PDB file of N, CA and C in Angstrom:
ATOM      1  N   MET A   1     -84.008-212.017  71.467  1.00  0.00           N
ATOM      2  CA  MET A   1     -84.141-211.889  72.901  1.00  0.00           C
ATOM      3  C   MET A   1     -83.411-210.647  73.389  1.00  0.00           C
ATOM      4  N   LYS A   2     -82.214-210.428  72.816  1.00  0.00           N
ATOM      5  CA  LYS A   2     -81.429-209.269  73.217  1.00  0.00           C
ATOM      6  C   LYS A   2     -82.147-207.978  72.822  1.00  0.00           C
ATOM      7  N   LEU A   3     -82.828-207.989  71.690  1.00  0.00           N
ATOM      8  CA  LEU A   3     -83.571-206.825  71.223  1.00  0.00           C
ATOM      9  C   LEU A   3     -84.727-206.511  72.167  1.00  0.00           C
ATOM     10  N   ILE A   4     -85.391-207.525  72.649  1.00  0.00           N
ATOM     11  CA  ILE A   4     -86.507-207.332  73.580  1.00  0.00           C
ATOM     12  C   ILE A   4     -86.003-206.710  74.878  1.00  0.00           C
ATOM     13  N   LYS A   5     -84.892-207.228  75.401  1.00  0.00           N
ATOM     14  CA  LYS A   5     -84.334-206.688  76.641  1.00  0.00           C
ATOM     15  C   LYS A   5     -83.893-205.244  76.461  1.00  0.00           C
ATOM     16  N   SER A   6     -83.251-204.965  75.336  1.00  0.00           N
ATOM     17  CA  SER A   6     -82.734-203.611  75.126  1.00  0.00           C
ATOM     18  C   SER A   6     -83.863-202.598  74.921  1.00  0.00           C
ATOM     19  N   SER A   7     -84.990-203.012  74.408  1.00  0.00           N
ATOM     20  CA  SER A   7     -86.101-202.073  74.238  1.00  0.00           C
ATOM     21  C   SER A   7     -87.006-202.050  75.473  1.00  0.00           C
ATOM     22  N   LEU A   8     -87.007-203.114  76.239  1.00  0.00           N
ATOM     23  CA  LEU A   8     -87.858-203.192  77.422  1.00  0.00           C
ATOM     24  C   LEU A   8     -87.317-202.350  78.570  1.00  0.00           C
ATOM     25  N   ILE A   9     -86.020-202.326  78.745  1.00  0.00           N
ATOM     26  CA  ILE A   9     -85.413-201.583  79.856  1.00  0.00           C
ATOM     27  C   ILE A   9     -85.705-200.081  79.755  1.00  0.00           C
ATOM     28  N   PRO A  10     -85.499-199.436  78.607  1.00  0.00           N
ATOM     29  CA  PRO A  10     -85.832-198.004  78.531  1.00  0.00           C
ATOM     30  C   PRO A  10     -87.325-197.733  78.736  1.00  0.00           C
ATOM     31  N   MET A  11     -88.166-198.640  78.257  1.00  0.00           N
ATOM     32  CA  MET A  11     -89.606-198.457  78.440  1.00  0.00           C
ATOM     33  C   MET A  11     -89.975-198.524  79.918  1.00  0.00           C
ATOM     34  N   LEU A  12     -89.374-199.449  80.637  1.00  0.00           N
ATOM     35  CA  LEU A  12     -89.641-199.549  82.067  1.00  0.00           C
ATOM     36  C   LEU A  12     -89.118-198.323  82.815  1.00  0.00           C
ATOM     37  N   ALA A  13     -87.976-197.824  82.394  1.00  0.00           N
ATOM     38  CA  ALA A  13     -87.408-196.633  83.032  1.00  0.00           C
ATOM     39  C   ALA A  13     -88.317-195.428  82.823  1.00  0.00           C
ATOM     40  N   VAL A  14     -88.829-195.267  81.614  1.00  0.00           N
ATOM     41  CA  VAL A  14     -89.741-194.161  81.323  1.00  0.00           C
ATOM     42  C   VAL A  14     -91.027-194.313  82.130  1.00  0.00           C
ATOM     43  N   ALA A  15     -91.530-195.517  82.222  1.00  0.00           N
ATOM     44  CA  ALA A  15     -92.751-195.755  82.993  1.00  0.00           C
ATOM     45  C   ALA A  15     -92.531-195.455  84.470  1.00  0.00           C
ATOM     46  N   ALA A  16     -91.383-195.826  84.987  1.00  0.00           N
ATOM     47  CA  ALA A  16     -91.080-195.560  86.394  1.00  0.00           C
ATOM     48  C   ALA A  16     -90.974-194.064  86.649  1.00  0.00           C
ATOM     49  N   LEU A  17     -90.356-193.337  85.745  1.00  0.00           N
ATOM     50  CA  LEU A  17     -90.239-191.890  85.903  1.00  0.00           C
ATOM     51  C   LEU A  17     -91.590-191.203  85.782  1.00  0.00           C
ATOM     52  N   ALA A  18     -92.443-191.726  84.931  1.00  0.00           N
ATOM     53  CA  ALA A  18     -93.757-191.123  84.736  1.00  0.00           C
ATOM     54  C   ALA A  18     -94.649-191.310  85.956  1.00  0.00           C
ATOM     55  N   THR A  19     -94.483-192.384  86.689  1.00  0.00           N
ATOM     56  CA  THR A  19     -95.341-192.630  87.847  1.00  0.00           C
ATOM     57  C   THR A  19     -94.764-192.065  89.132  1.00  0.00           C
ATOM     58  N   SER A  20     -93.538-191.632  89.143  1.00  0.00           N
ATOM     59  CA  SER A  20     -92.921-191.115  90.367  1.00  0.00           C
ATOM     60  C   SER A  20     -93.631-189.898  90.935  1.00  0.00           C
ATOM     61  N   PRO A  21     -93.964-188.855  90.159  1.00  0.00           N
ATOM     62  CA  PRO A  21     -94.649-187.702  90.740  1.00  0.00           C
ATOM     63  C   PRO A  21     -96.016-188.064  91.318  1.00  0.00           C
ATOM     64  N   ALA A  22     -96.750-188.929  90.648  1.00  0.00           N
ATOM     65  CA  ALA A  22     -98.048-189.344  91.163  1.00  0.00           C
ATOM     66  C   ALA A  22     -97.879-190.112  92.459  1.00  0.00           C
ATOM     67  N   HIS A  23     -96.879-190.959  92.490  1.00  0.00           N
ATOM     68  CA  HIS A  23     -96.614-191.736  93.700  1.00  0.00           C
ATOM     69  C   HIS A  23     -96.184-190.815  94.835  1.00  0.00           C
ATOM     70  N   ALA A  24     -95.374-189.821  94.534  1.00  0.00           N
ATOM     71  CA  ALA A  24     -94.920-188.872  95.556  1.00  0.00           C
ATOM     72  C   ALA A  24     -96.093-188.063  96.089  1.00  0.00           C
ATOM     73  N   ALA A  25     -97.012-187.684  95.212  1.00  0.00           N
ATOM     74  CA  ALA A  25     -98.189-186.936  95.648  1.00  0.00           C
ATOM     75  C   ALA A  25     -99.058-187.795  96.558  1.00  0.00           C
ATOM     76  N   ASP A  26     -99.209-189.073  96.201  1.00  0.00           N
ATOM     77  CA  ASP A  26     -99.980-189.984  97.045  1.00  0.00           C
ATOM     78  C   ASP A  26     -99.318-190.156  98.403  1.00  0.00           C
ATOM     79  N   GLU A  27     -97.995-190.233  98.405  1.00  0.00           N
ATOM     80  CA  GLU A  27     -97.264-190.366  99.671  1.00  0.00           C
ATOM     81  C   GLU A  27     -97.463-189.141 100.545  1.00  0.00           C
ATOM     82  N   LYS A  28     -97.426-187.956  99.935  1.00  0.00           N
ATOM     83  CA  LYS A  28     -97.617-186.718 100.699  1.00  0.00           C
ATOM     84  C   LYS A  28     -99.026-186.651 101.269  1.00  0.00           C
ATOM     85  N   LYS A  29    -100.021-187.075 100.478  1.00  0.00           N
ATOM     86  CA  LYS A  29    -101.400-187.082 100.972  1.00  0.00           C
ATOM     87  C   LYS A  29    -101.547-188.055 102.133  1.00  0.00           C
ATOM     88  N   ALA A  30    -100.954-189.222 101.999  1.00  0.00           N
ATOM     89  CA  ALA A  30    -101.030-190.219 103.063  1.00  0.00           C
ATOM     90  C   ALA A  30    -100.318-189.724 104.314  1.00  0.00           C
ATOM     91  N   GLU A  31     -99.184-189.065 104.119  1.00  0.00           N
ATOM     92  CA  GLU A  31     -98.429-188.522 105.257  1.00  0.00           C
ATOM     93  C   GLU A  31     -99.225-187.418 105.955  1.00  0.00           C
ATOM     94  N   ALA A  32     -99.886-186.563 105.179  1.00  0.00           N
ATOM     95  CA  ALA A  32    -100.697-185.492 105.763  1.00  0.00           C
ATOM     96  C   ALA A  32    -101.895-186.066 106.512  1.00  0.00           C
ATOM     97  N   ALA A  33    -102.519-187.105 105.951  1.00  0.00           N
ATOM     98  CA  ALA A  33    -103.650-187.738 106.621  1.00  0.00           C
ATOM     99  C   ALA A  33    -103.203-188.407 107.910  1.00  0.00           C
ATOM    100  N   GLU A  34    -102.039-189.037 107.866  1.00  0.00           N
ATOM    101  CA  GLU A  34    -101.508-189.686 109.065  1.00  0.00           C
ATOM    102  C   GLU A  34    -101.195-188.646 110.138  1.00  0.00           C
ATOM    103  N   LYS A  35    -100.648-187.516 109.715  1.00  0.00           N
ATOM    104  CA  LYS A  35    -100.327-186.444 110.664  1.00  0.00           C
ATOM    105  C   LYS A  35    -101.603-185.876 111.282  1.00  0.00           C
ATOM    106  N   ALA A  36    -102.656-185.734 110.481  1.00  0.00           N
ATOM    107  CA  ALA A  36    -103.921-185.199 110.986  1.00  0.00           C
ATOM    108  C   ALA A  36    -104.583-186.171 111.956  1.00  0.00           C
ATOM    109  N   ASN A  37    -104.357-187.465 111.784  1.00  0.00           N
ATOM    110  CA  ASN A  37    -104.971-188.463 112.652  1.00  0.00           C
ATOM    111  C   ASN A  37    -104.113-188.819 113.856  1.00  0.00           C
ATOM    112  N   LYS A  38    -102.912-188.291 113.923  1.00  0.00           N
ATOM    113  CA  LYS A  38    -102.017-188.591 115.032  1.00  0.00           C
ATOM    114  C   LYS A  38    -102.545-187.924 116.302  1.00  0.00           C
ATOM    115  N   LYS A  39    -102.550-188.673 117.400  1.00  0.00           N
ATOM    116  CA  LYS A  39    -103.021-188.119 118.665  1.00  0.00           C
ATOM    117  C   LYS A  39    -101.944-187.267 119.301  1.00  0.00           C
ATOM    118  N   ILE A  40    -102.359-186.111 119.778  1.00  0.00           N
ATOM    119  CA  ILE A  40    -101.460-185.193 120.463  1.00  0.00           C
ATOM    120  C   ILE A  40    -102.055-184.910 121.832  1.00  0.00           C
ATOM    121  N   CYS A  41    -101.252-185.103 122.867  1.00  0.00           N
ATOM    122  CA  CYS A  41    -101.704-184.868 124.236  1.00  0.00           C
ATOM    123  C   CYS A  41    -101.083-183.576 124.750  1.00  0.00           C
ATOM    124  N   LYS A  42    -101.917-182.775 125.402  1.00  0.00           N
ATOM    125  CA  LYS A  42    -101.450-181.520 125.986  1.00  0.00           C
ATOM    126  C   LYS A  42    -101.878-181.480 127.442  1.00  0.00           C
ATOM    127  N   LYS A  43    -100.992-180.949 128.275  1.00  0.00           N
ATOM    128  CA  LYS A  43    -101.297-180.790 129.694  1.00  0.00           C
ATOM    129  C   LYS A  43    -101.641-179.333 129.956  1.00  0.00           C
ATOM    130  N   TYR A  44    -102.613-179.123 130.831  1.00  0.00           N
ATOM    131  CA  TYR A  44    -102.974-177.774 131.238  1.00  0.00           C
ATOM    132  C   TYR A  44    -103.377-177.797 132.705  1.00  0.00           C
ATOM    133  N   ARG A  45    -103.298-176.672 133.340  1.00  0.00           N
ATOM    134  CA  ARG A  45    -103.640-176.558 134.745  1.00  0.00           C
ATOM    135  C   ARG A  45    -104.893-175.691 134.874  1.00  0.00           C
ATOM    136  N   PRO A  46    -106.041-176.288 135.212  1.00  0.00           N
ATOM    137  CA  PRO A  46    -107.258-175.489 135.368  1.00  0.00           C
ATOM    138  C   PRO A  46    -107.104-174.475 136.507  1.00  0.00           C
ATOM    139  N   THR A  47    -107.825-173.379 136.406  1.00  0.00           N
ATOM    140  CA  THR A  47    -107.780-172.346 137.436  1.00  0.00           C
ATOM    141  C   THR A  47    -108.238-172.921 138.766  1.00  0.00           C
ATOM    142  N   GLY A  48    -107.493-172.636 139.818  1.00  0.00           N
ATOM    143  CA  GLY A  48    -107.862-173.059 141.158  1.00  0.00           C
ATOM    144  C   GLY A  48    -107.271-174.387 141.579  1.00  0.00           C
ATOM    145  N   THR A  49    -106.417-174.974 140.787  1.00  0.00           N
ATOM    146  CA  THR A  49    -105.808-176.244 141.158  1.00  0.00           C
ATOM    147  C   THR A  49    -104.347-176.270 140.721  1.00  0.00           C
ATOM    148  N   ARG A  50    -103.567-177.057 141.428  1.00  0.00           N
ATOM    149  CA  ARG A  50    -102.161-177.218 141.045  1.00  0.00           C
ATOM    150  C   ARG A  50    -101.954-178.523 140.284  1.00  0.00           C
ATOM    151  N   ILE A  51    -103.010-179.301 140.184  1.00  0.00           N
ATOM    152  CA  ILE A  51    -102.912-180.597 139.512  1.00  0.00           C
ATOM    153  C   ILE A  51    -103.215-180.413 138.025  1.00  0.00           C
ATOM    154  N   ALA A  52    -102.286-180.825 137.205  1.00  0.00           N
ATOM    155  CA  ALA A  52    -102.458-180.687 135.761  1.00  0.00           C
ATOM    156  C   ALA A  52    -103.399-181.764 135.234  1.00  0.00           C
ATOM    157  N   LYS A  53    -104.131-181.410 134.207  1.00  0.00           N
ATOM    158  CA  LYS A  53    -104.994-182.363 133.506  1.00  0.00           C
ATOM    159  C   LYS A  53    -104.425-182.551 132.111  1.00  0.00           C
ATOM    160  N   LYS A  54    -104.681-183.704 131.558  1.00  0.00           N
ATOM    161  CA  LYS A  54    -104.150-184.042 130.236  1.00  0.00           C
ATOM    162  C   LYS A  54    -105.319-184.299 129.295  1.00  0.00           C
ATOM    163  N   THR A  55    -105.265-183.686 128.125  1.00  0.00           N
ATOM    164  CA  THR A  55    -106.283-183.885 127.103  1.00  0.00           C
ATOM    165  C   THR A  55    -105.597-184.365 125.833  1.00  0.00           C
ATOM    166  N   CYS A  56    -106.120-185.426 125.262  1.00  0.00           N
ATOM    167  CA  CYS A  56    -105.564-185.985 124.024  1.00  0.00           C
ATOM    168  C   CYS A  56    -106.605-185.886 122.914  1.00  0.00           C
ATOM    169  N   MET A  57    -106.200-185.322 121.789  1.00  0.00           N
ATOM    170  CA  MET A  57    -107.060-185.215 120.610  1.00  0.00           C
ATOM    171  C   MET A  57    -106.180-185.334 119.368  1.00  0.00           C
ATOM    172  N   THR A  58    -106.823-185.509 118.238  1.00  0.00           N
ATOM    173  CA  THR A  58    -106.085-185.533 116.978  1.00  0.00           C
ATOM    174  C   THR A  58    -105.701-184.106 116.600  1.00  0.00           C
ATOM    175  N   GLN A  59    -104.749-183.968 115.690  1.00  0.00           N
ATOM    176  CA  GLN A  59    -104.322-182.635 115.255  1.00  0.00           C
ATOM    177  C   GLN A  59    -105.496-181.882 114.644  1.00  0.00           C
ATOM    178  N   GLY A  60    -106.340-182.579 113.905  1.00  0.00           N
ATOM    179  CA  GLY A  60    -107.515-181.940 113.312  1.00  0.00           C
ATOM    180  C   GLY A  60    -108.458-181.398 114.368  1.00  0.00           C
ATOM    181  N   ALA A  61    -108.644-182.141 115.456  1.00  0.00           N
ATOM    182  CA  ALA A  61    -109.514-181.688 116.542  1.00  0.00           C
ATOM    183  C   ALA A  61    -108.907-180.483 117.256  1.00  0.00           C
ATOM    184  N   TRP A  62    -107.585-180.482 117.466  1.00  0.00           N
ATOM    185  CA  TRP A  62    -106.929-179.324 118.086  1.00  0.00           C
ATOM    186  C   TRP A  62    -107.088-178.096 117.194  1.00  0.00           C
ATOM    187  N   ASP A  63    -106.926-178.273 115.892  1.00  0.00           N
ATOM    188  CA  ASP A  63    -107.073-177.155 114.959  1.00  0.00           C
ATOM    189  C   ASP A  63    -108.496-176.600 114.996  1.00  0.00           C
ATOM    190  N   GLU A  64    -109.483-177.483 115.040  1.00  0.00           N
ATOM    191  CA  GLU A  64    -110.884-177.060 115.102  1.00  0.00           C
ATOM    192  C   GLU A  64    -111.169-176.322 116.408  1.00  0.00           C
ATOM    193  N   LEU A  65    -110.640-176.817 117.512  1.00  0.00           N
ATOM    194  CA  LEU A  65    -110.816-176.164 118.808  1.00  0.00           C
ATOM    195  C   LEU A  65    -110.208-174.759 118.785  1.00  0.00           C
ATOM    196  N   LYS A  66    -109.035-174.630 118.206  1.00  0.00           N
ATOM    197  CA  LYS A  66    -108.370-173.330 118.102  1.00  0.00           C
ATOM    198  C   LYS A  66    -109.187-172.378 117.232  1.00  0.00           C
ATOM    199  N   ARG A  67    -109.705-172.884 116.115  1.00  0.00           N
ATOM    200  CA  ARG A  67    -110.505-172.055 115.212  1.00  0.00           C
ATOM    201  C   ARG A  67    -111.757-171.546 115.911  1.00  0.00           C
ATOM    202  N   ARG A  68    -112.430-172.434 116.660  1.00  0.00           N
ATOM    203  CA  ARG A  68    -113.651-172.037 117.374  1.00  0.00           C
ATOM    204  C   ARG A  68    -113.353-171.023 118.476  1.00  0.00           C
ATOM    205  N   ALA A  69    -112.245-171.192 119.177  1.00  0.00           N
ATOM    206  CA  ALA A  69    -111.874-170.247 120.237  1.00  0.00           C
ATOM    207  C   ALA A  69    -111.582-168.871 119.640  1.00  0.00           C
ATOM    208  N   GLN A  70    -110.894-168.841 118.510  1.00  0.00           N
ATOM    209  CA  GLN A  70    -110.605-167.564 117.854  1.00  0.00           C
ATOM    210  C   GLN A  70    -111.886-166.900 117.371  1.00  0.00           C
ATOM    211  N   GLU A  71    -112.801-167.698 116.834  1.00  0.00           N
ATOM    212  CA  GLU A  71    -114.075-167.166 116.359  1.00  0.00           C
ATOM    213  C   GLU A  71    -114.891-166.605 117.523  1.00  0.00           C
ATOM    214  N   ALA A  72    -114.905-167.305 118.658  1.00  0.00           N
ATOM    215  CA  ALA A  72    -115.633-166.830 119.836  1.00  0.00           C
ATOM    216  C   ALA A  72    -115.034-165.522 120.347  1.00  0.00           C
ATOM    217  N   ALA A  73    -113.715-165.411 120.347  1.00  0.00           N
ATOM    218  CA  ALA A  73    -113.058-164.178 120.790  1.00  0.00           C
ATOM    219  C   ALA A  73    -113.403-163.021 119.857  1.00  0.00           C
ATOM    220  N   ARG A  74    -113.393-163.266 118.555  1.00  0.00           N
ATOM    221  CA  ARG A  74    -113.751-162.213 117.593  1.00  0.00           C
ATOM    222  C   ARG A  74    -115.192-161.769 117.790  1.00  0.00           C
ATOM    223  N   ASN A  75    -116.098-162.734 117.963  1.00  0.00           N
ATOM    224  CA  ASN A  75    -117.505-162.395 118.169  1.00  0.00           C
ATOM    225  C   ASN A  75    -117.693-161.605 119.454  1.00  0.00           C
ATOM    226  N   SER A  76    -117.002-161.985 120.499  1.00  0.00           N
ATOM    227  CA  SER A  76    -117.098-161.282 121.773  1.00  0.00           C
ATOM    228  C   SER A  76    -116.610-159.842 121.635  1.00  0.00           C
ATOM    229  N   GLN A  77    -115.494-159.656 120.958  1.00  0.00           N
ATOM    230  CA  GLN A  77    -114.967-158.307 120.757  1.00  0.00           C
ATOM    231  C   GLN A  77    -115.892-157.473 119.878  1.00  0.00           C
ATOM    232  N   ARG A  78    -116.452-158.105 118.875  1.00  0.00           N
ATOM    233  CA  ARG A  78    -117.351-157.393 117.966  1.00  0.00           C
ATOM    234  C   ARG A  78    -118.612-156.959 118.698  1.00  0.00           C
ATOM    235  N   LEU A  79    -119.178-157.855 119.512  1.00  0.00           N
ATOM    236  CA  LEU A  79    -120.399-157.532 120.246  1.00  0.00           C
ATOM    237  C   LEU A  79    -120.148-156.482 121.316  1.00  0.00           C
ATOM    238  N   SER A  80    -119.013-156.537 121.993  1.00  0.00           N
ATOM    239  CA  SER A  80    -118.724-155.535 123.019  1.00  0.00           C
ATOM    240  C   SER A  80    -118.521-154.166 122.378  1.00  0.00           C
ATOM    241  N   GLY A  81    -117.985-154.118 121.193  1.00  0.00           N
ATOM    242  CA  GLY A  81    -117.826-152.857 120.469  1.00  0.00           C
ATOM    243  C   GLY A  81    -119.162-152.273 120.060  1.00  0.00           C
ATOM    244  N   GLN A  82    -120.121-153.102 119.697  1.00  0.00           N
ATOM    245  CA  GLN A  82    -121.448-152.628 119.322  1.00  0.00           C
ATOM    246  C   GLN A  82    -122.189-152.089 120.532  1.00  0.00           C
ATOM    247  N   GLN A  83    -122.061-152.744 121.680  1.00  0.00           N
ATOM    248  CA  GLN A  83    -122.757-152.306 122.886  1.00  0.00           C
ATOM    249  C   GLN A  83    -122.231-150.958 123.351  1.00  0.00           C
ATOM    250  N   SER A  84    -120.917-150.728 123.270  1.00  0.00           N
ATOM    251  CA  SER A  84    -120.359-149.460 123.730  1.00  0.00           C
ATOM    252  C   SER A  84    -120.794-148.315 122.818  1.00  0.00           C
ATOM    253  N   ARG A  85    -120.984-148.568 121.544  1.00  0.00           N
ATOM    254  CA  ARG A  85    -121.462-147.528 120.626  1.00  0.00           C
ATOM    255  C   ARG A  85    -122.921-147.198 120.892  1.00  0.00           C
ATOM    256  N   GLU A  86    -123.715-148.215 121.240  1.00  0.00           N
ATOM    257  CA  GLU A  86    -125.135-147.996 121.493  1.00  0.00           C
ATOM    258  C   GLU A  86    -125.355-147.202 122.773  1.00  0.00           C
ATOM    259  N   SER A  87    -124.558-147.453 123.804  1.00  0.00           N
ATOM    260  CA  SER A  87    -124.747-146.774 125.080  1.00  0.00           C
ATOM    261  C   SER A  87    -124.062-145.410 125.107  1.00  0.00           C
ATOM    262  N   GLY A  88    -123.107-145.156 124.235  1.00  0.00           N
ATOM    263  CA  GLY A  88    -122.295-143.938 124.253  1.00  0.00           C
ATOM    264  C   GLY A  88    -122.795-142.899 123.388  1.00  0.00           C
TER     265      GLY A  88
END
């Protein structure tokens, strides 16, 4: 019985150490998914009013909105540059 205990404890310790990095990676993935799904509310004041409005979206939705706004700005700048070359 003592032999079983003495050989079982090191085996369990090795098994626990072997699964720790995988478990930590799973925890990080779960934490990142939770962060992406967390609702974030932002207040803004539309032009012409003093009353603030509040918009709530997930972090992923805010990131997508930011990406689209940046893309629209780049396209607008690119198109305005082409028009000035054509007329000039």
